[in-house]
Amino acid sequence: MGRLIHFEIHVDDMERAKKFYGEVFGWTFQDWTEYAGMPYFGAVTGDESQLGINGALMQRQSAAPQPGQAVNGYACTMGVGNYDETEAKILENGGKVAMPKYALPGMAWQGYYLDTEGNVFGIHQPDENAK
């Protein structure tokens, strides 16, 4: 037990966050606001036959993280097929670079970004030729 089964991304502007994650990663959303008692949208991150988990966007309940602040929660990383194309989508949709692309030698390309809500997330493209 103890396997990660769900995630929540805290957001200030629900529509802006839905647009960002929908445009960049193709996520779709289900309105669970009535069930949660606050703005809360289930995030469907991919086909159920693929490895991964679903999560949610929820209304932020306190101050947003400040730029330069250490991460004080989990940083989720999304697997991508093309790092450079995904980075372009992130930047086109209002995201910012937090830590530029770097090689995990012989394994993958990795980098970290800020979403439109100031949250840190990573992207990861497997590539055994990364160096």
C-alpha atoms as a PDB file:
ATOM      1  CA  MET A   1       0.000   0.000   0.000  1.00  0.00           C
ATOM      2  CA  GLY A   2       0.955   3.653  -0.032  1.00  0.00           C
ATOM      3  CA  ARG A   3       0.934   3.930  -3.857  1.00  0.00           C
ATOM      4  CA  LEU A   4       0.144   7.408  -5.156  1.00  0.00           C
ATOM      5  CA  ILE A   5      -3.407   7.369  -6.549  1.00  0.00           C
ATOM      6  CA  HIS A   6      -4.471  11.042  -6.836  1.00  0.00           C
ATOM      7  CA  PHE A   7      -3.004  14.546  -6.908  1.00  0.00           C
ATOM      8  CA  GLU A   8      -4.395  18.038  -6.326  1.00  0.00           C
ATOM      9  CA  ILE A   9      -3.060  21.239  -7.875  1.00  0.00           C
ATOM     10  CA  HIS A  10      -4.021  24.356  -5.920  1.00  0.00           C
ATOM     11  CA  VAL A  11      -5.090  27.232  -8.192  1.00  0.00           C
ATOM     12  CA  ASP A  12      -6.196  30.850  -7.908  1.00  0.00           C
ATOM     13  CA  ASP A  13      -7.974  31.095 -11.276  1.00  0.00           C
ATOM     14  CA  MET A  14      -9.748  27.829 -12.151  1.00  0.00           C
ATOM     15  CA  GLU A  15     -10.513  28.701 -15.783  1.00  0.00           C
ATOM     16  CA  ARG A  16      -6.958  29.868 -16.437  1.00  0.00           C
ATOM     17  CA  ALA A  17      -5.540  26.678 -14.878  1.00  0.00           C
ATOM     18  CA  LYS A  18      -7.935  24.422 -16.818  1.00  0.00           C
ATOM     19  CA  LYS A  19      -6.932  26.169 -20.038  1.00  0.00           C
ATOM     20  CA  PHE A  20      -3.204  25.822 -19.246  1.00  0.00           C
ATOM     21  CA  TYR A  21      -3.271  22.092 -18.425  1.00  0.00           C
ATOM     22  CA  GLY A  22      -5.781  21.356 -21.182  1.00  0.00           C
ATOM     23  CA  GLU A  23      -3.731  23.136 -23.863  1.00  0.00           C
ATOM     24  CA  VAL A  24      -0.300  21.911 -22.733  1.00  0.00           C
ATOM     25  CA  PHE A  25      -1.049  18.289 -21.785  1.00  0.00           C
ATOM     26  CA  GLY A  26      -4.483  17.606 -23.297  1.00  0.00           C
ATOM     27  CA  TRP A  27      -6.152  17.038 -19.918  1.00  0.00           C
ATOM     28  CA  THR A  28      -9.931  17.141 -19.633  1.00  0.00           C
ATOM     29  CA  PHE A  29     -11.901  18.128 -16.548  1.00  0.00           C
ATOM     30  CA  GLN A  30     -14.995  17.014 -14.667  1.00  0.00           C
ATOM     31  CA  ASP A  31     -16.803  19.416 -12.335  1.00  0.00           C
ATOM     32  CA  TRP A  32     -16.805  17.936  -8.821  1.00  0.00           C
ATOM     33  CA  THR A  33     -17.565  21.285  -7.143  1.00  0.00           C
ATOM     34  CA  GLU A  34     -20.861  20.158  -5.631  1.00  0.00           C
ATOM     35  CA  TYR A  35     -19.255  17.060  -4.142  1.00  0.00           C
ATOM     36  CA  ALA A  36     -16.220  18.961  -2.754  1.00  0.00           C
ATOM     37  CA  GLY A  37     -18.085  22.036  -1.514  1.00  0.00           C
ATOM     38  CA  MET A  38     -15.612  24.364  -3.281  1.00  0.00           C
ATOM     39  CA  PRO A  39     -14.413  24.878  -6.866  1.00  0.00           C
ATOM     40  CA  TYR A  40     -12.893  21.459  -7.638  1.00  0.00           C
ATOM     41  CA  PHE A  41     -12.381  19.907 -11.071  1.00  0.00           C
ATOM     42  CA  GLY A  42     -11.274  16.310 -11.587  1.00  0.00           C
ATOM     43  CA  ALA A  43      -8.371  16.127 -14.058  1.00  0.00           C
ATOM     44  CA  VAL A  44      -8.405  13.218 -16.506  1.00  0.00           C
ATOM     45  CA  THR A  45      -4.752  13.028 -17.546  1.00  0.00           C
ATOM     46  CA  GLY A  46      -4.891  10.247 -20.118  1.00  0.00           C
ATOM     47  CA  ASP A  47      -6.441   7.006 -21.254  1.00  0.00           C
ATOM     48  CA  GLU A  48      -7.157   4.530 -18.458  1.00  0.00           C
ATOM     49  CA  SER A  49      -5.160   1.863 -20.343  1.00  0.00           C
ATOM     50  CA  GLN A  50      -1.964   3.937 -19.940  1.00  0.00           C
ATOM     51  CA  LEU A  51       0.270   4.055 -16.879  1.00  0.00           C
ATOM     52  CA  GLY A  52      -0.419   7.140 -14.749  1.00  0.00           C
ATOM     53  CA  ILE A  53      -2.914   8.714 -12.372  1.00  0.00           C
ATOM     54  CA  ASN A  54      -5.686  11.284 -12.480  1.00  0.00           C
ATOM     55  CA  GLY A  55      -6.047  14.173 -10.084  1.00  0.00           C
ATOM     56  CA  ALA A  56      -7.786  17.507  -9.657  1.00  0.00           C
ATOM     57  CA  LEU A  57      -7.537  21.270  -9.718  1.00  0.00           C
ATOM     58  CA  MET A  58      -8.827  22.777  -6.494  1.00  0.00           C
ATOM     59  CA  GLN A  59      -9.375  26.347  -5.347  1.00  0.00           C
ATOM     60  CA  ARG A  60      -6.345  27.599  -3.428  1.00  0.00           C
ATOM     61  CA  GLN A  61      -7.190  28.115   0.258  1.00  0.00           C
ATOM     62  CA  SER A  62      -4.264  30.376   1.236  1.00  0.00           C
ATOM     63  CA  ALA A  63      -1.537  32.530  -0.280  1.00  0.00           C
ATOM     64  CA  ALA A  64       0.168  31.340  -3.449  1.00  0.00           C
ATOM     65  CA  PRO A  65       3.841  30.309  -3.331  1.00  0.00           C
ATOM     66  CA  GLN A  66       6.226  33.224  -3.860  1.00  0.00           C
ATOM     67  CA  PRO A  67       8.865  33.283  -6.622  1.00  0.00           C
ATOM     68  CA  GLY A  68      12.167  31.870  -5.378  1.00  0.00           C
ATOM     69  CA  GLN A  69      10.489  30.116  -2.444  1.00  0.00           C
ATOM     70  CA  ALA A  70      11.582  26.549  -1.774  1.00  0.00           C
ATOM     71  CA  VAL A  71       9.092  23.875  -2.816  1.00  0.00           C
ATOM     72  CA  ASN A  72       6.983  23.051   0.215  1.00  0.00           C
ATOM     73  CA  GLY A  73       4.910  20.255  -1.275  1.00  0.00           C
ATOM     74  CA  TYR A  74       5.113  17.573  -3.929  1.00  0.00           C
ATOM     75  CA  ALA A  75       6.364  18.469  -7.394  1.00  0.00           C
ATOM     76  CA  CYS A  76       4.574  16.360  -9.999  1.00  0.00           C
ATOM     77  CA  THR A  77       6.371  15.428 -13.223  1.00  0.00           C
ATOM     78  CA  MET A  78       4.552  14.637 -16.471  1.00  0.00           C
ATOM     79  CA  GLY A  79       5.987  12.222 -19.007  1.00  0.00           C
ATOM     80  CA  VAL A  80       6.103  13.718 -22.511  1.00  0.00           C
ATOM     81  CA  GLY A  81       6.908  12.404 -25.966  1.00  0.00           C
ATOM     82  CA  ASN A  82       8.746  15.515 -27.158  1.00  0.00           C
ATOM     83  CA  TYR A  83      10.406  17.749 -24.583  1.00  0.00           C
ATOM     84  CA  ASP A  84      10.994  20.765 -26.816  1.00  0.00           C
ATOM     85  CA  GLU A  85       7.438  20.805 -28.221  1.00  0.00           C
ATOM     86  CA  THR A  86       5.991  20.525 -24.714  1.00  0.00           C
ATOM     87  CA  GLU A  87       8.222  23.329 -23.425  1.00  0.00           C
ATOM     88  CA  ALA A  88       7.036  25.550 -26.294  1.00  0.00           C
ATOM     89  CA  LYS A  89       3.397  24.848 -25.340  1.00  0.00           C
ATOM     90  CA  ILE A  90       4.128  25.620 -21.689  1.00  0.00           C
ATOM     91  CA  LEU A  91       5.666  28.982 -22.561  1.00  0.00           C
ATOM     92  CA  GLU A  92       2.976  29.839 -25.157  1.00  0.00           C
ATOM     93  CA  ASN A  93       0.289  29.224 -22.531  1.00  0.00           C
ATOM     94  CA  GLY A  94       1.764  31.430 -19.814  1.00  0.00           C
ATOM     95  CA  GLY A  95       4.117  29.028 -18.015  1.00  0.00           C
ATOM     96  CA  LYS A  96       7.674  29.953 -17.054  1.00  0.00           C
ATOM     97  CA  VAL A  97      10.963  28.073 -16.785  1.00  0.00           C
ATOM     98  CA  ALA A  98      11.894  27.245 -13.181  1.00  0.00           C
ATOM     99  CA  MET A  99      14.876  24.961 -13.992  1.00  0.00           C
ATOM    100  CA  PRO A 100      15.947  24.576 -17.638  1.00  0.00           C
ATOM    101  CA  LYS A 101      16.131  21.300 -19.529  1.00  0.00           C
ATOM    102  CA  TYR A 102      18.987  19.053 -18.426  1.00  0.00           C
ATOM    103  CA  ALA A 103      20.105  15.516 -19.178  1.00  0.00           C
ATOM    104  CA  LEU A 104      19.714  12.570 -16.881  1.00  0.00           C
ATOM    105  CA  PRO A 105      22.571  10.800 -18.707  1.00  0.00           C
ATOM    106  CA  GLY A 106      21.507   7.642 -20.487  1.00  0.00           C
ATOM    107  CA  MET A 107      17.937   8.004 -19.242  1.00  0.00           C
ATOM    108  CA  ALA A 108      15.981  11.158 -20.085  1.00  0.00           C
ATOM    109  CA  TRP A 109      15.586  14.920 -20.443  1.00  0.00           C
ATOM    110  CA  GLN A 110      14.144  16.678 -17.386  1.00  0.00           C
ATOM    111  CA  GLY A 111      13.188  20.243 -16.481  1.00  0.00           C
ATOM    112  CA  TYR A 112      10.883  22.209 -14.178  1.00  0.00           C
ATOM    113  CA  TYR A 113       8.371  24.966 -14.848  1.00  0.00           C
ATOM    114  CA  LEU A 114       5.901  27.269 -13.123  1.00  0.00           C
ATOM    115  CA  ASP A 115       2.286  26.975 -14.209  1.00  0.00           C
ATOM    116  CA  THR A 116      -0.014  29.996 -14.506  1.00  0.00           C
ATOM    117  CA  GLU A 117      -0.817  29.641 -10.787  1.00  0.00           C
ATOM    118  CA  GLY A 118       2.815  29.722  -9.587  1.00  0.00           C
ATOM    119  CA  ASN A 119       3.060  25.964  -8.932  1.00  0.00           C
ATOM    120  CA  VAL A 120       6.223  23.998  -9.815  1.00  0.00           C
ATOM    121  CA  PHE A 121       5.906  20.935 -12.061  1.00  0.00           C
ATOM    122  CA  GLY A 122       8.319  18.887 -14.141  1.00  0.00           C
ATOM    123  CA  ILE A 123       8.382  17.355 -17.587  1.00  0.00           C
ATOM    124  CA  HIS A 124      10.358  14.216 -18.447  1.00  0.00           C
ATOM    125  CA  GLN A 125      11.136  12.753 -21.866  1.00  0.00           C
ATOM    126  CA  PRO A 126      12.762   9.305 -21.808  1.00  0.00           C
ATOM    127  CA  ASP A 127      15.853   9.248 -24.050  1.00  0.00           C
ATOM    128  CA  GLU A 128      18.697   6.764 -23.549  1.00  0.00           C
ATOM    129  CA  ASN A 129      20.919   9.067 -25.659  1.00  0.00           C
ATOM    130  CA  ALA A 130      20.529  12.053 -23.293  1.00  0.00           C
ATOM    131  CA  LYS A 131      23.861  13.470 -22.159  1.00  0.00           C
END
